[in-house]
Amino acid sequence: GNSGGGLFVFQDGRYVLVGIASFVLNSYRGVVPHVNGFVATD
């Protein structure tokens, strides 16, 4: 339900938007337990 929500980091003394929640991979070939991907604002 977070899809479309913002990804923020602290830069230049303030929080800035750097990405938008796009996908979650709960399992990748049984190796990676959780991967979160964000489309970069660029």
PDB file of all heavy atoms in Angstrom:
ATOM      1  N   GLY A   1       0.806  -1.214   0.000  1.00  0.00           N
ATOM      2  CA  GLY A   1       0.000   0.000   0.000  1.00  0.00           C
ATOM      3  C   GLY A   1       0.843   1.269   0.000  1.00  0.00           C
ATOM      4  O   GLY A   1       0.323   2.357  -0.129  1.00  0.00           O
ATOM      5  N   ASN A   2       2.170   1.131   0.152  1.00  0.00           N
ATOM      6  CA  ASN A   2       3.065   2.295   0.128  1.00  0.00           C
ATOM      7  C   ASN A   2       3.426   2.726  -1.289  1.00  0.00           C
ATOM      8  O   ASN A   2       4.076   3.748  -1.457  1.00  0.00           O
ATOM      9  CB  ASN A   2       4.376   1.986   0.854  1.00  0.00           C
ATOM     10  CG  ASN A   2       4.335   2.354   2.314  1.00  0.00           C
ATOM     11  OD1 ASN A   2       3.301   2.688   2.853  1.00  0.00           O
ATOM     12  ND2 ASN A   2       5.468   2.276   2.959  1.00  0.00           N
ATOM     13  N   SER A   3       3.058   1.963  -2.284  1.00  0.00           N
ATOM     14  CA  SER A   3       3.416   2.311  -3.657  1.00  0.00           C
ATOM     15  C   SER A   3       2.989   3.730  -3.958  1.00  0.00           C
ATOM     16  O   SER A   3       1.875   4.146  -3.635  1.00  0.00           O
ATOM     17  CB  SER A   3       2.756   1.357  -4.646  1.00  0.00           C
ATOM     18  OG  SER A   3       3.285   0.072  -4.481  1.00  0.00           O
ATOM     19  N   GLY A   4       3.887   4.482  -4.557  1.00  0.00           N
ATOM     20  CA  GLY A   4       3.628   5.880  -4.859  1.00  0.00           C
ATOM     21  C   GLY A   4       4.074   6.810  -3.752  1.00  0.00           C
ATOM     22  O   GLY A   4       4.091   8.019  -3.928  1.00  0.00           O
ATOM     23  N   GLY A   5       4.467   6.252  -2.613  1.00  0.00           N
ATOM     24  CA  GLY A   5       4.969   7.063  -1.502  1.00  0.00           C
ATOM     25  C   GLY A   5       6.411   7.491  -1.755  1.00  0.00           C
ATOM     26  O   GLY A   5       7.101   6.941  -2.605  1.00  0.00           O
ATOM     27  N   GLY A   6       6.855   8.478  -1.002  1.00  0.00           N
ATOM     28  CA  GLY A   6       8.174   9.047  -1.233  1.00  0.00           C
ATOM     29  C   GLY A   6       9.302   8.364  -0.487  1.00  0.00           C
ATOM     30  O   GLY A   6       9.112   7.794   0.579  1.00  0.00           O
ATOM     31  N   LEU A   7      10.497   8.438  -1.090  1.00  0.00           N
ATOM     32  CA  LEU A   7      11.749   8.020  -0.472  1.00  0.00           C
ATOM     33  C   LEU A   7      12.545   9.296  -0.220  1.00  0.00           C
ATOM     34  O   LEU A   7      12.809  10.059  -1.154  1.00  0.00           O
ATOM     35  CB  LEU A   7      12.540   7.086  -1.393  1.00  0.00           C
ATOM     36  CG  LEU A   7      13.911   6.667  -0.869  1.00  0.00           C
ATOM     37  CD1 LEU A   7      13.769   5.764   0.349  1.00  0.00           C
ATOM     38  CD2 LEU A   7      14.701   5.964  -1.963  1.00  0.00           C
ATOM     39  N   PHE A   8      12.905   9.522   1.029  1.00  0.00           N
ATOM     40  CA  PHE A   8      13.570  10.759   1.425  1.00  0.00           C
ATOM     41  C   PHE A   8      14.943  10.473   2.023  1.00  0.00           C
ATOM     42  O   PHE A   8      15.128   9.454   2.694  1.00  0.00           O
ATOM     43  CB  PHE A   8      12.727  11.509   2.459  1.00  0.00           C
ATOM     44  CG  PHE A   8      11.400  11.953   1.934  1.00  0.00           C
ATOM     45  CD1 PHE A   8      10.305  11.110   1.951  1.00  0.00           C
ATOM     46  CD2 PHE A   8      11.249  13.223   1.402  1.00  0.00           C
ATOM     47  CE1 PHE A   8       9.082  11.521   1.455  1.00  0.00           C
ATOM     48  CE2 PHE A   8      10.030  13.647   0.899  1.00  0.00           C
ATOM     49  CZ  PHE A   8       8.938  12.789   0.928  1.00  0.00           C
ATOM     50  N   VAL A   9      15.882  11.367   1.774  1.00  0.00           N
ATOM     51  CA  VAL A   9      17.195  11.339   2.413  1.00  0.00           C
ATOM     52  C   VAL A   9      17.507  12.757   2.891  1.00  0.00           C
ATOM     53  O   VAL A   9      16.882  13.723   2.458  1.00  0.00           O
ATOM     54  CB  VAL A   9      18.313  10.831   1.473  1.00  0.00           C
ATOM     55  CG1 VAL A   9      18.058   9.399   1.037  1.00  0.00           C
ATOM     56  CG2 VAL A   9      18.485  11.735   0.274  1.00  0.00           C
ATOM     57  N   PHE A  10      18.481  12.855   3.774  1.00  0.00           N
ATOM     58  CA  PHE A  10      18.883  14.152   4.312  1.00  0.00           C
ATOM     59  C   PHE A  10      20.030  14.692   3.470  1.00  0.00           C
ATOM     60  O   PHE A  10      21.076  14.069   3.377  1.00  0.00           O
ATOM     61  CB  PHE A  10      19.315  13.986   5.779  1.00  0.00           C
ATOM     62  CG  PHE A  10      19.374  15.270   6.527  1.00  0.00           C
ATOM     63  CD1 PHE A  10      18.213  15.935   6.902  1.00  0.00           C
ATOM     64  CD2 PHE A  10      20.590  15.837   6.865  1.00  0.00           C
ATOM     65  CE1 PHE A  10      18.257  17.122   7.602  1.00  0.00           C
ATOM     66  CE2 PHE A  10      20.658  17.026   7.567  1.00  0.00           C
ATOM     67  CZ  PHE A  10      19.489  17.669   7.940  1.00  0.00           C
ATOM     68  N   GLN A  11      19.814  15.816   2.802  1.00  0.00           N
ATOM     69  CA  GLN A  11      20.833  16.457   1.961  1.00  0.00           C
ATOM     70  C   GLN A  11      20.783  17.963   2.187  1.00  0.00           C
ATOM     71  O   GLN A  11      19.696  18.534   2.274  1.00  0.00           O
ATOM     72  CB  GLN A  11      20.588  16.186   0.463  1.00  0.00           C
ATOM     73  CG  GLN A  11      20.806  14.782   0.024  1.00  0.00           C
ATOM     74  CD  GLN A  11      20.484  14.586  -1.462  1.00  0.00           C
ATOM     75  OE1 GLN A  11      19.957  15.460  -2.145  1.00  0.00           O
ATOM     76  NE2 GLN A  11      20.786  13.404  -1.958  1.00  0.00           N
ATOM     77  N   ASP A  12      21.928  18.565   2.252  1.00  0.00           N
ATOM     78  CA  ASP A  12      22.016  20.034   2.365  1.00  0.00           C
ATOM     79  C   ASP A  12      21.156  20.591   3.503  1.00  0.00           C
ATOM     80  O   ASP A  12      20.482  21.609   3.350  1.00  0.00           O
ATOM     81  CB  ASP A  12      21.628  20.706   1.041  1.00  0.00           C
ATOM     82  CG  ASP A  12      22.532  20.290  -0.101  1.00  0.00           C
ATOM     83  OD1 ASP A  12      23.749  20.111   0.138  1.00  0.00           O
ATOM     84  OD2 ASP A  12      22.033  20.137  -1.228  1.00  0.00           O
ATOM     85  N   GLY A  13      21.144  19.887   4.643  1.00  0.00           N
ATOM     86  CA  GLY A  13      20.453  20.392   5.821  1.00  0.00           C
ATOM     87  C   GLY A  13      18.946  20.219   5.842  1.00  0.00           C
ATOM     88  O   GLY A  13      18.270  20.813   6.671  1.00  0.00           O
ATOM     89  N   ARG A  14      18.405  19.407   4.933  1.00  0.00           N
ATOM     90  CA  ARG A  14      16.957  19.179   4.920  1.00  0.00           C
ATOM     91  C   ARG A  14      16.649  17.831   4.280  1.00  0.00           C
ATOM     92  O   ARG A  14      17.494  17.236   3.597  1.00  0.00           O
ATOM     93  CB  ARG A  14      16.245  20.280   4.153  1.00  0.00           C
ATOM     94  CG  ARG A  14      16.674  20.341   2.694  1.00  0.00           C
ATOM     95  CD  ARG A  14      16.073  21.504   1.977  1.00  0.00           C
ATOM     96  NE  ARG A  14      16.630  21.563   0.636  1.00  0.00           N
ATOM     97  CZ  ARG A  14      16.165  22.318  -0.310  1.00  0.00           C
ATOM     98  NH1 ARG A  14      15.137  23.094  -0.080  1.00  0.00           N
ATOM     99  NH2 ARG A  14      16.724  22.329  -1.497  1.00  0.00           N
ATOM    100  N   TYR A  15      15.437  17.358   4.513  1.00  0.00           N
ATOM    101  CA  TYR A  15      15.000  16.114   3.881  1.00  0.00           C
ATOM    102  C   TYR A  15      14.481  16.431   2.487  1.00  0.00           C
ATOM    103  O   TYR A  15      13.717  17.378   2.296  1.00  0.00           O
ATOM    104  CB  TYR A  15      13.913  15.431   4.718  1.00  0.00           C
ATOM    105  CG  TYR A  15      14.478  14.838   5.976  1.00  0.00           C
ATOM    106  CD1 TYR A  15      14.437  15.533   7.171  1.00  0.00           C
ATOM    107  CD2 TYR A  15      15.096  13.598   5.949  1.00  0.00           C
ATOM    108  CE1 TYR A  15      14.983  15.008   8.327  1.00  0.00           C
ATOM    109  CE2 TYR A  15      15.649  13.059   7.094  1.00  0.00           C
ATOM    110  CZ  TYR A  15      15.595  13.769   8.272  1.00  0.00           C
ATOM    111  OH  TYR A  15      16.149  13.238   9.409  1.00  0.00           O
ATOM    112  N   VAL A  16      14.923  15.619   1.522  1.00  0.00           N
ATOM    113  CA  VAL A  16      14.528  15.832   0.129  1.00  0.00           C
ATOM    114  C   VAL A  16      14.013  14.523  -0.465  1.00  0.00           C
ATOM    115  O   VAL A  16      14.409  13.434  -0.053  1.00  0.00           O
ATOM    116  CB  VAL A  16      15.711  16.375  -0.717  1.00  0.00           C
ATOM    117  CG1 VAL A  16      16.117  17.758  -0.256  1.00  0.00           C
ATOM    118  CG2 VAL A  16      16.896  15.434  -0.685  1.00  0.00           C
ATOM    119  N   LEU A  17      13.145  14.658  -1.432  1.00  0.00           N
ATOM    120  CA  LEU A  17      12.591  13.510  -2.149  1.00  0.00           C
ATOM    121  C   LEU A  17      13.601  13.035  -3.181  1.00  0.00           C
ATOM    122  O   LEU A  17      14.081  13.831  -3.990  1.00  0.00           O
ATOM    123  CB  LEU A  17      11.291  13.925  -2.846  1.00  0.00           C
ATOM    124  CG  LEU A  17      10.591  12.857  -3.659  1.00  0.00           C
ATOM    125  CD1 LEU A  17       9.990  11.805  -2.754  1.00  0.00           C
ATOM    126  CD2 LEU A  17       9.505  13.498  -4.520  1.00  0.00           C
ATOM    127  N   VAL A  18      13.912  11.730  -3.169  1.00  0.00           N
ATOM    128  CA  VAL A  18      14.845  11.189  -4.162  1.00  0.00           C
ATOM    129  C   VAL A  18      14.245  10.044  -4.964  1.00  0.00           C
ATOM    130  O   VAL A  18      14.827   9.607  -5.954  1.00  0.00           O
ATOM    131  CB  VAL A  18      16.176  10.735  -3.520  1.00  0.00           C
ATOM    132  CG1 VAL A  18      16.938  11.921  -2.963  1.00  0.00           C
ATOM    133  CG2 VAL A  18      15.960   9.671  -2.459  1.00  0.00           C
ATOM    134  N   GLY A  19      13.076   9.537  -4.541  1.00  0.00           N
ATOM    135  CA  GLY A  19      12.477   8.439  -5.277  1.00  0.00           C
ATOM    136  C   GLY A  19      11.038   8.208  -4.867  1.00  0.00           C
ATOM    137  O   GLY A  19      10.555   8.760  -3.882  1.00  0.00           O
ATOM    138  N   ILE A  20      10.372   7.375  -5.660  1.00  0.00           N
ATOM    139  CA  ILE A  20       8.976   7.010  -5.414  1.00  0.00           C
ATOM    140  C   ILE A  20       8.904   5.486  -5.324  1.00  0.00           C
ATOM    141  O   ILE A  20       9.426   4.784  -6.195  1.00  0.00           O
ATOM    142  CB  ILE A  20       8.055   7.497  -6.563  1.00  0.00           C
ATOM    143  CG1 ILE A  20       8.139   9.023  -6.716  1.00  0.00           C
ATOM    144  CG2 ILE A  20       6.627   7.035  -6.348  1.00  0.00           C
ATOM    145  CD1 ILE A  20       7.608   9.805  -5.550  1.00  0.00           C
ATOM    146  N   ALA A  21       8.246   4.982  -4.269  1.00  0.00           N
ATOM    147  CA  ALA A  21       8.124   3.534  -4.070  1.00  0.00           C
ATOM    148  C   ALA A  21       7.484   2.891  -5.291  1.00  0.00           C
ATOM    149  O   ALA A  21       6.442   3.335  -5.767  1.00  0.00           O
ATOM    150  CB  ALA A  21       7.305   3.248  -2.813  1.00  0.00           C
ATOM    151  N   SER A  22       8.135   1.835  -5.775  1.00  0.00           N
ATOM    152  CA  SER A  22       7.674   1.212  -6.998  1.00  0.00           C
ATOM    153  C   SER A  22       7.390  -0.282  -6.851  1.00  0.00           C
ATOM    154  O   SER A  22       6.375  -0.771  -7.303  1.00  0.00           O
ATOM    155  CB  SER A  22       8.705   1.430  -8.102  1.00  0.00           C
ATOM    156  OG  SER A  22       8.293   0.838  -9.288  1.00  0.00           O
ATOM    157  N   PHE A  23       8.299  -1.031  -6.222  1.00  0.00           N
ATOM    158  CA  PHE A  23       8.086  -2.477  -6.128  1.00  0.00           C
ATOM    159  C   PHE A  23       8.822  -3.085  -4.934  1.00  0.00           C
ATOM    160  O   PHE A  23       9.748  -2.504  -4.396  1.00  0.00           O
ATOM    161  CB  PHE A  23       8.537  -3.188  -7.409  1.00  0.00           C
ATOM    162  CG  PHE A  23      10.008  -3.079  -7.679  1.00  0.00           C
ATOM    163  CD1 PHE A  23      10.898  -4.004  -7.152  1.00  0.00           C
ATOM    164  CD2 PHE A  23      10.517  -2.057  -8.468  1.00  0.00           C
ATOM    165  CE1 PHE A  23      12.258  -3.895  -7.401  1.00  0.00           C
ATOM    166  CE2 PHE A  23      11.867  -1.947  -8.726  1.00  0.00           C
ATOM    167  CZ  PHE A  23      12.739  -2.869  -8.193  1.00  0.00           C
ATOM    168  N   VAL A  24       8.356  -4.271  -4.562  1.00  0.00           N
ATOM    169  CA  VAL A  24       8.982  -5.068  -3.508  1.00  0.00           C
ATOM    170  C   VAL A  24       9.114  -6.480  -4.038  1.00  0.00           C
ATOM    171  O   VAL A  24       8.158  -7.038  -4.584  1.00  0.00           O
ATOM    172  CB  VAL A  24       8.116  -5.085  -2.228  1.00  0.00           C
ATOM    173  CG1 VAL A  24       8.706  -6.018  -1.194  1.00  0.00           C
ATOM    174  CG2 VAL A  24       7.953  -3.700  -1.668  1.00  0.00           C
ATOM    175  N   LEU A  25      10.296  -7.046  -3.905  1.00  0.00           N
ATOM    176  CA  LEU A  25      10.509  -8.455  -4.233  1.00  0.00           C
ATOM    177  C   LEU A  25      10.694  -9.186  -2.914  1.00  0.00           C
ATOM    178  O   LEU A  25      11.673  -8.954  -2.200  1.00  0.00           O
ATOM    179  CB  LEU A  25      11.754  -8.641  -5.102  1.00  0.00           C
ATOM    180  CG  LEU A  25      11.767  -7.934  -6.448  1.00  0.00           C
ATOM    181  CD1 LEU A  25      13.110  -8.105  -7.133  1.00  0.00           C
ATOM    182  CD2 LEU A  25      10.650  -8.466  -7.330  1.00  0.00           C
ATOM    183  N   ASN A  26       9.747 -10.042  -2.568  1.00  0.00           N
ATOM    184  CA  ASN A  26       9.852 -10.756  -1.301  1.00  0.00           C
ATOM    185  C   ASN A  26      10.822 -11.914  -1.378  1.00  0.00           C
ATOM    186  O   ASN A  26      11.386 -12.317  -0.382  1.00  0.00           O
ATOM    187  CB  ASN A  26       8.483 -11.261  -0.854  1.00  0.00           C
ATOM    188  CG  ASN A  26       7.614 -10.112  -0.402  1.00  0.00           C
ATOM    189  OD1 ASN A  26       8.099  -9.169   0.192  1.00  0.00           O
ATOM    190  ND2 ASN A  26       6.333 -10.190  -0.704  1.00  0.00           N
ATOM    191  N   SER A  27      11.026 -12.450  -2.555  1.00  0.00           N
ATOM    192  CA  SER A  27      11.980 -13.533  -2.719  1.00  0.00           C
ATOM    193  C   SER A  27      12.488 -13.516  -4.150  1.00  0.00           C
ATOM    194  O   SER A  27      11.716 -13.388  -5.091  1.00  0.00           O
ATOM    195  CB  SER A  27      11.327 -14.882  -2.430  1.00  0.00           C
ATOM    196  OG  SER A  27      12.249 -15.918  -2.632  1.00  0.00           O
ATOM    197  N   TYR A  28      13.777 -13.623  -4.282  1.00  0.00           N
ATOM    198  CA  TYR A  28      14.383 -13.688  -5.608  1.00  0.00           C
ATOM    199  C   TYR A  28      15.166 -14.981  -5.677  1.00  0.00           C
ATOM    200  O   TYR A  28      16.252 -15.102  -5.109  1.00  0.00           O
ATOM    201  CB  TYR A  28      15.288 -12.483  -5.842  1.00  0.00           C
ATOM    202  CG  TYR A  28      15.951 -12.481  -7.196  1.00  0.00           C
ATOM    203  CD1 TYR A  28      15.212 -12.190  -8.331  1.00  0.00           C
ATOM    204  CD2 TYR A  28      17.290 -12.793  -7.333  1.00  0.00           C
ATOM    205  CE1 TYR A  28      15.797 -12.197  -9.583  1.00  0.00           C
ATOM    206  CE2 TYR A  28      17.889 -12.797  -8.577  1.00  0.00           C
ATOM    207  CZ  TYR A  28      17.141 -12.507  -9.691  1.00  0.00           C
ATOM    208  OH  TYR A  28      17.726 -12.524 -10.935  1.00  0.00           O
ATOM    209  N   ARG A  29      14.573 -15.969  -6.317  1.00  0.00           N
ATOM    210  CA  ARG A  29      15.192 -17.285  -6.438  1.00  0.00           C
ATOM    211  C   ARG A  29      15.559 -17.865  -5.076  1.00  0.00           C
ATOM    212  O   ARG A  29      16.548 -18.558  -4.923  1.00  0.00           O
ATOM    213  CB  ARG A  29      16.413 -17.221  -7.340  1.00  0.00           C
ATOM    214  CG  ARG A  29      16.079 -16.813  -8.755  1.00  0.00           C
ATOM    215  CD  ARG A  29      17.292 -16.800  -9.635  1.00  0.00           C
ATOM    216  NE  ARG A  29      16.909 -16.294 -10.937  1.00  0.00           N
ATOM    217  CZ  ARG A  29      17.775 -15.946 -11.856  1.00  0.00           C
ATOM    218  NH1 ARG A  29      19.051 -16.047 -11.624  1.00  0.00           N
ATOM    219  NH2 ARG A  29      17.355 -15.497 -13.010  1.00  0.00           N
ATOM    220  N   GLY A  30      14.773 -17.486  -4.074  1.00  0.00           N
ATOM    221  CA  GLY A  30      14.985 -18.034  -2.746  1.00  0.00           C
ATOM    222  C   GLY A  30      16.207 -17.507  -2.024  1.00  0.00           C
ATOM    223  O   GLY A  30      16.586 -18.010  -0.975  1.00  0.00           O
ATOM    224  N   VAL A  31      16.852 -16.459  -2.564  1.00  0.00           N
ATOM    225  CA  VAL A  31      18.097 -15.966  -1.976  1.00  0.00           C
ATOM    226  C   VAL A  31      17.892 -14.666  -1.207  1.00  0.00           C
ATOM    227  O   VAL A  31      18.309 -14.543  -0.067  1.00  0.00           O
ATOM    228  CB  VAL A  31      19.168 -15.768  -3.067  1.00  0.00           C
ATOM    229  CG1 VAL A  31      20.434 -15.196  -2.471  1.00  0.00           C
ATOM    230  CG2 VAL A  31      19.459 -17.077  -3.776  1.00  0.00           C
ATOM    231  N   VAL A  32      17.276 -13.671  -1.828  1.00  0.00           N
ATOM    232  CA  VAL A  32      17.123 -12.357  -1.208  1.00  0.00           C
ATOM    233  C   VAL A  32      15.781 -12.307  -0.485  1.00  0.00           C
ATOM    234  O   VAL A  32      14.741 -12.490  -1.107  1.00  0.00           O
ATOM    235  CB  VAL A  32      17.190 -11.239  -2.276  1.00  0.00           C
ATOM    236  CG1 VAL A  32      17.009  -9.871  -1.641  1.00  0.00           C
ATOM    237  CG2 VAL A  32      18.518 -11.313  -3.006  1.00  0.00           C
ATOM    238  N   PRO A  33      15.781 -12.056   0.834  1.00  0.00           N
ATOM    239  CA  PRO A  33      14.514 -12.082   1.562  1.00  0.00           C
ATOM    240  C   PRO A  33      13.608 -10.888   1.291  1.00  0.00           C
ATOM    241  O   PRO A  33      12.415 -11.014   1.383  1.00  0.00           O
ATOM    242  CB  PRO A  33      14.948 -12.103   3.025  1.00  0.00           C
ATOM    243  CG  PRO A  33      16.315 -11.531   3.029  1.00  0.00           C
ATOM    244  CD  PRO A  33      16.923 -11.851   1.700  1.00  0.00           C
ATOM    245  N   HIS A  34      14.169  -9.732   0.946  1.00  0.00           N
ATOM    246  CA  HIS A  34      13.321  -8.552   0.758  1.00  0.00           C
ATOM    247  C   HIS A  34      14.115  -7.473   0.014  1.00  0.00           C
ATOM    248  O   HIS A  34      15.130  -7.014   0.505  1.00  0.00           O
ATOM    249  CB  HIS A  34      12.886  -8.016   2.121  1.00  0.00           C
ATOM    250  CG  HIS A  34      11.631  -7.219   2.071  1.00  0.00           C
ATOM    251  ND1 HIS A  34      10.385  -7.804   1.997  1.00  0.00           N
ATOM    252  CD2 HIS A  34      11.415  -5.896   2.081  1.00  0.00           C
ATOM    253  CE1 HIS A  34       9.464  -6.872   1.987  1.00  0.00           C
ATOM    254  NE2 HIS A  34      10.061  -5.701   2.024  1.00  0.00           N
ATOM    255  N   VAL A  35      13.639  -7.071  -1.152  1.00  0.00           N
ATOM    256  CA  VAL A  35      14.287  -6.022  -1.937  1.00  0.00           C
ATOM    257  C   VAL A  35      13.238  -4.961  -2.230  1.00  0.00           C
ATOM    258  O   VAL A  35      12.131  -5.272  -2.662  1.00  0.00           O
ATOM    259  CB  VAL A  35      14.853  -6.572  -3.263  1.00  0.00           C
ATOM    260  CG1 VAL A  35      15.384  -5.449  -4.128  1.00  0.00           C
ATOM    261  CG2 VAL A  35      15.938  -7.598  -3.001  1.00  0.00           C
ATOM    262  N   ASN A  36      13.587  -3.690  -1.970  1.00  0.00           N
ATOM    263  CA  ASN A  36      12.658  -2.587  -2.181  1.00  0.00           C
ATOM    264  C   ASN A  36      13.207  -1.669  -3.261  1.00  0.00           C
ATOM    265  O   ASN A  36      14.335  -1.205  -3.161  1.00  0.00           O
ATOM    266  CB  ASN A  36      12.487  -1.803  -0.873  1.00  0.00           C
ATOM    267  CG  ASN A  36      12.068  -2.717   0.244  1.00  0.00           C
ATOM    268  OD1 ASN A  36      10.985  -3.267   0.205  1.00  0.00           O
ATOM    269  ND2 ASN A  36      12.929  -2.921   1.212  1.00  0.00           N
ATOM    270  N   GLY A  37      12.404  -1.404  -4.281  1.00  0.00           N
ATOM    271  CA  GLY A  37      12.860  -0.576  -5.392  1.00  0.00           C
ATOM    272  C   GLY A  37      12.073   0.714  -5.508  1.00  0.00           C
ATOM    273  O   GLY A  37      10.846   0.727  -5.337  1.00  0.00           O
ATOM    274  N   PHE A  38      12.788   1.782  -5.794  1.00  0.00           N
ATOM    275  CA  PHE A  38      12.197   3.109  -5.943  1.00  0.00           C
ATOM    276  C   PHE A  38      12.642   3.706  -7.259  1.00  0.00           C
ATOM    277  O   PHE A  38      13.826   3.659  -7.596  1.00  0.00           O
ATOM    278  CB  PHE A  38      12.669   4.031  -4.802  1.00  0.00           C
ATOM    279  CG  PHE A  38      12.278   3.539  -3.453  1.00  0.00           C
ATOM    280  CD1 PHE A  38      13.023   2.568  -2.809  1.00  0.00           C
ATOM    281  CD2 PHE A  38      11.144   4.034  -2.841  1.00  0.00           C
ATOM    282  CE1 PHE A  38      12.652   2.089  -1.569  1.00  0.00           C
ATOM    283  CE2 PHE A  38      10.766   3.569  -1.594  1.00  0.00           C
ATOM    284  CZ  PHE A  38      11.524   2.588  -0.960  1.00  0.00           C
ATOM    285  N   VAL A  39      11.714   4.270  -8.002  1.00  0.00           N
ATOM    286  CA  VAL A  39      12.078   4.980  -9.225  1.00  0.00           C
ATOM    287  C   VAL A  39      12.690   6.309  -8.792  1.00  0.00           C
ATOM    288  O   VAL A  39      12.089   7.061  -8.025  1.00  0.00           O
ATOM    289  CB  VAL A  39      10.851   5.219 -10.121  1.00  0.00           C
ATOM    290  CG1 VAL A  39      11.234   6.032 -11.350  1.00  0.00           C
ATOM    291  CG2 VAL A  39      10.214   3.903 -10.515  1.00  0.00           C
ATOM    292  N   ALA A  40      13.901   6.569  -9.250  1.00  0.00           N
ATOM    293  CA  ALA A  40      14.609   7.794  -8.887  1.00  0.00           C
ATOM    294  C   ALA A  40      13.926   9.013  -9.500  1.00  0.00           C
ATOM    295  O   ALA A  40      13.367   8.944 -10.603  1.00  0.00           O
ATOM    296  CB  ALA A  40      16.055   7.726  -9.355  1.00  0.00           C
ATOM    297  N   THR A  41      13.968  10.127  -8.781  1.00  0.00           N
ATOM    298  CA  THR A  41      13.333  11.345  -9.274  1.00  0.00           C
ATOM    299  C   THR A  41      13.941  11.805 -10.592  1.00  0.00           C
ATOM    300  O   THR A  41      13.251  12.407 -11.415  1.00  0.00           O
ATOM    301  CB  THR A  41      13.403  12.467  -8.225  1.00  0.00           C
ATOM    302  OG1 THR A  41      14.752  12.629  -7.796  1.00  0.00           O
ATOM    303  CG2 THR A  41      12.517  12.162  -7.044  1.00  0.00           C
ATOM    304  N   ASP A  42      15.220  11.512 -10.835  1.00  0.00           N
ATOM    305  CA  ASP A  42      15.842  11.851 -12.124  1.00  0.00           C
ATOM    306  C   ASP A  42      15.103  11.181 -13.279  1.00  0.00           C
ATOM    307  O   ASP A  42      14.871  11.791 -14.314  1.00  0.00           O
ATOM    308  CB  ASP A  42      17.314  11.413 -12.156  1.00  0.00           C
ATOM    309  CG  ASP A  42      18.189  12.211 -11.214  1.00  0.00           C
ATOM    310  OD1 ASP A  42      17.692  13.177 -10.595  1.00  0.00           O
ATOM    311  OD2 ASP A  42      19.371  11.874 -11.108  1.00  0.00           O
TER     312      ASP A  42
END
